Each structure stands twice: as C-alpha cells, then as structure tokens.
Amino acid sequence: MKTKEIPIGTLYDFNKQIILQQGKLTGKKIESIKKDLEDWFNWQIDGYAMLLCRERYDFTVFHLYEKLNRNPPAVAANELIDILKNRGKILSIEKEEDKWEIWI
C-alpha cells in the first residue's frame, strides 16, 4: 500500500494564513493600541527595545532614554507605529506576556 505525505507547513505558516484572513487594522484600532505600547515602553523597558522582522531577519533597536527626549515611551510608541506603516499594512498587534507580536 502506497502512502503519501501531505505537507501542512509550519505553525508560523498556519498563523500567517489566519492573520492574512483577518485583514488590516483600522487607524482607530492602531491609535488605541498605541497607548498600550506607550505604557509597555514606560513600565517594561529600561533602555533598549528591539523590533525583529522574522521573514527578512531585519532588526530595529529603540534607545529610549536619550537626554533630549522629553517623553521616551510616547516617542517610542509613535516611532514604532511609523516604522510599521512604512513596512506595509499593519495586520495585527497583540501583547503576549512580556512581548508584542506584530504582523505586517
């Protein structure tokens, strides 16, 4: 008896398909998430945070506490959203324990 293997992909591929079916986030939803990001930068980050793009293996490092920066968490949240918008359509931003999962 012959058997066939059917590739089902990885968990990442499965999650990617689910996210693509949801569509992009609205501007209103992004603005509401921005406040949560600002709070997270304020309470969880002591100096540096990193954005990792899994597919491109692209890294962006945020240095929050420079002397000229009046409100580091707000600036970091705004810059993060700007970076995401420049990379494509924001599909999902979700907090998971001590990190954020973002899909573009």
C-alpha atoms as a PDB file:
ATOM      1  CA  MET A   1       0.000   0.000   0.000  1.00  0.00           C
ATOM      2  CA  LYS A   2       1.390   3.404  -1.001  1.00  0.00           C
ATOM      3  CA  THR A   3       1.310   6.313   1.360  1.00  0.00           C
ATOM      4  CA  LYS A   4       1.558   9.978   0.526  1.00  0.00           C
ATOM      5  CA  GLU A   5       2.930  12.737   2.643  1.00  0.00           C
ATOM      6  CA  ILE A   6       0.961  15.941   2.583  1.00  0.00           C
ATOM      7  CA  PRO A   7       2.930  18.941   3.794  1.00  0.00           C
ATOM      8  CA  ILE A   8       0.894  21.043   6.190  1.00  0.00           C
ATOM      9  CA  GLY A   9       3.550  23.687   6.780  1.00  0.00           C
ATOM     10  CA  THR A  10       4.845  25.112   9.985  1.00  0.00           C
ATOM     11  CA  LEU A  11       2.978  26.745  12.844  1.00  0.00           C
ATOM     12  CA  TYR A  12       4.283  30.067  11.520  1.00  0.00           C
ATOM     13  CA  ASP A  13       2.744  29.378   8.086  1.00  0.00           C
ATOM     14  CA  PHE A  14      -0.548  28.419   9.709  1.00  0.00           C
ATOM     15  CA  ASN A  15      -0.618  31.594  11.819  1.00  0.00           C
ATOM     16  CA  LYS A  16       0.307  33.694   8.796  1.00  0.00           C
ATOM     17  CA  GLN A  17      -2.720  32.389   6.888  1.00  0.00           C
ATOM     18  CA  ILE A  18      -5.034  33.186   9.800  1.00  0.00           C
ATOM     19  CA  ILE A  19      -3.669  36.734  10.122  1.00  0.00           C
ATOM     20  CA  LEU A  20      -3.991  37.360   6.371  1.00  0.00           C
ATOM     21  CA  GLN A  21      -7.670  36.380   6.511  1.00  0.00           C
ATOM     22  CA  GLN A  22      -8.360  38.978   9.225  1.00  0.00           C
ATOM     23  CA  GLY A  23      -7.386  41.993   7.132  1.00  0.00           C
ATOM     24  CA  LYS A  24      -5.541  45.117   8.222  1.00  0.00           C
ATOM     25  CA  LEU A  25      -6.094  47.076  11.433  1.00  0.00           C
ATOM     26  CA  THR A  26      -8.063  50.309  11.281  1.00  0.00           C
ATOM     27  CA  GLY A  27      -6.451  53.621  12.178  1.00  0.00           C
ATOM     28  CA  LYS A  28      -8.732  53.859  15.216  1.00  0.00           C
ATOM     29  CA  LYS A  29      -7.625  50.428  16.458  1.00  0.00           C
ATOM     30  CA  ILE A  30      -3.948  51.320  15.930  1.00  0.00           C
ATOM     31  CA  GLU A  31      -4.408  54.522  17.952  1.00  0.00           C
ATOM     32  CA  SER A  32      -5.971  52.567  20.822  1.00  0.00           C
ATOM     33  CA  ILE A  33      -3.086  50.072  20.765  1.00  0.00           C
ATOM     34  CA  LYS A  34      -0.546  52.929  20.700  1.00  0.00           C
ATOM     35  CA  LYS A  35      -1.458  53.845  24.304  1.00  0.00           C
ATOM     36  CA  ASP A  36      -0.856  50.223  25.398  1.00  0.00           C
ATOM     37  CA  LEU A  37       2.503  50.280  23.596  1.00  0.00           C
ATOM     38  CA  GLU A  38       3.413  53.525  25.328  1.00  0.00           C
ATOM     39  CA  ASP A  39       2.561  52.018  28.729  1.00  0.00           C
ATOM     40  CA  TRP A  40       4.614  48.927  27.890  1.00  0.00           C
ATOM     41  CA  PHE A  41       7.634  51.015  26.869  1.00  0.00           C
ATOM     42  CA  ASN A  42       7.231  53.002  30.089  1.00  0.00           C
ATOM     43  CA  TRP A  43       6.914  50.091  32.538  1.00  0.00           C
ATOM     44  CA  GLN A  44       8.783  47.215  30.863  1.00  0.00           C
ATOM     45  CA  ILE A  45      11.755  48.750  29.061  1.00  0.00           C
ATOM     46  CA  ASP A  46      14.775  50.128  30.916  1.00  0.00           C
ATOM     47  CA  GLY A  47      16.678  51.465  27.933  1.00  0.00           C
ATOM     48  CA  TYR A  48      16.542  49.428  24.738  1.00  0.00           C
ATOM     49  CA  ALA A  49      13.874  47.525  22.831  1.00  0.00           C
ATOM     50  CA  MET A  50      14.184  45.587  19.571  1.00  0.00           C
ATOM     51  CA  LEU A  51      11.826  45.037  16.654  1.00  0.00           C
ATOM     52  CA  LEU A  52      12.588  41.822  14.751  1.00  0.00           C
ATOM     53  CA  CYS A  53      11.166  41.088  11.310  1.00  0.00           C
ATOM     54  CA  ARG A  54      11.123  37.307  11.123  1.00  0.00           C
ATOM     55  CA  GLU A  55      10.785  36.985   7.358  1.00  0.00           C
ATOM     56  CA  ARG A  56      13.537  39.478   6.465  1.00  0.00           C
ATOM     57  CA  TYR A  57      15.642  38.987   9.597  1.00  0.00           C
ATOM     58  CA  ASP A  58      15.648  42.749   9.919  1.00  0.00           C
ATOM     59  CA  PHE A  59      16.350  44.300  13.331  1.00  0.00           C
ATOM     60  CA  THR A  60      15.413  47.774  14.596  1.00  0.00           C
ATOM     61  CA  VAL A  61      16.699  48.881  18.001  1.00  0.00           C
ATOM     62  CA  PHE A  62      14.974  51.571  20.042  1.00  0.00           C
ATOM     63  CA  HIS A  63      17.071  53.565  22.534  1.00  0.00           C
ATOM     64  CA  LEU A  64      14.512  55.186  24.786  1.00  0.00           C
ATOM     65  CA  TYR A  65      16.346  57.358  27.248  1.00  0.00           C
ATOM     66  CA  GLU A  66      18.411  59.961  25.450  1.00  0.00           C
ATOM     67  CA  LYS A  67      18.870  63.329  27.169  1.00  0.00           C
ATOM     68  CA  LEU A  68      16.872  65.349  24.634  1.00  0.00           C
ATOM     69  CA  ASN A  69      13.884  63.004  24.645  1.00  0.00           C
ATOM     70  CA  ARG A  70      11.124  64.526  26.823  1.00  0.00           C
ATOM     71  CA  ASN A  71       8.683  61.589  26.752  1.00  0.00           C
ATOM     72  CA  PRO A  72      10.586  58.443  25.721  1.00  0.00           C
ATOM     73  CA  PRO A  73       7.653  55.962  25.888  1.00  0.00           C
ATOM     74  CA  ALA A  74       5.386  58.168  23.744  1.00  0.00           C
ATOM     75  CA  VAL A  75       8.147  58.819  21.214  1.00  0.00           C
ATOM     76  CA  ALA A  76       8.997  55.093  21.036  1.00  0.00           C
ATOM     77  CA  ALA A  77       5.328  54.107  20.513  1.00  0.00           C
ATOM     78  CA  ASN A  78       4.881  56.733  17.773  1.00  0.00           C
ATOM     79  CA  GLU A  79       8.111  55.756  16.030  1.00  0.00           C
ATOM     80  CA  LEU A  80       7.220  52.066  16.209  1.00  0.00           C
ATOM     81  CA  ILE A  81       3.851  52.699  14.529  1.00  0.00           C
ATOM     82  CA  ASP A  82       5.546  54.869  11.866  1.00  0.00           C
ATOM     83  CA  ILE A  83       8.118  52.141  11.180  1.00  0.00           C
ATOM     84  CA  LEU A  84       5.379  49.526  10.868  1.00  0.00           C
ATOM     85  CA  LYS A  85       3.357  51.697   8.467  1.00  0.00           C
ATOM     86  CA  ASN A  86       6.461  52.242   6.327  1.00  0.00           C
ATOM     87  CA  ARG A  87       6.964  48.481   6.074  1.00  0.00           C
ATOM     88  CA  GLY A  88       3.411  47.695   4.938  1.00  0.00           C
ATOM     89  CA  LYS A  89      -0.150  47.248   6.111  1.00  0.00           C
ATOM     90  CA  ILE A  90      -0.426  46.577   9.839  1.00  0.00           C
ATOM     91  CA  LEU A  91      -2.449  43.384  10.184  1.00  0.00           C
ATOM     92  CA  SER A  92      -2.141  42.644  13.893  1.00  0.00           C
ATOM     93  CA  ILE A  93      -0.545  43.969  17.080  1.00  0.00           C
ATOM     94  CA  GLU A  94      -1.056  41.747  20.114  1.00  0.00           C
ATOM     95  CA  LYS A  95       0.606  41.637  23.514  1.00  0.00           C
ATOM     96  CA  GLU A  96       1.895  38.250  24.642  1.00  0.00           C
ATOM     97  CA  GLU A  97       3.186  38.165  28.224  1.00  0.00           C
ATOM     98  CA  ASP A  98       6.293  40.407  28.108  1.00  0.00           C
ATOM     99  CA  LYS A  99       6.492  40.994  24.343  1.00  0.00           C
ATOM    100  CA  TRP A 100       4.366  42.051  21.384  1.00  0.00           C
ATOM    101  CA  GLU A 101       3.560  40.020  18.273  1.00  0.00           C
ATOM    102  CA  ILE A 102       3.117  42.220  15.235  1.00  0.00           C
ATOM    103  CA  TRP A 103       2.090  41.132  11.747  1.00  0.00           C
ATOM    104  CA  ILE A 104       2.545  43.301   8.654  1.00  0.00           C
END
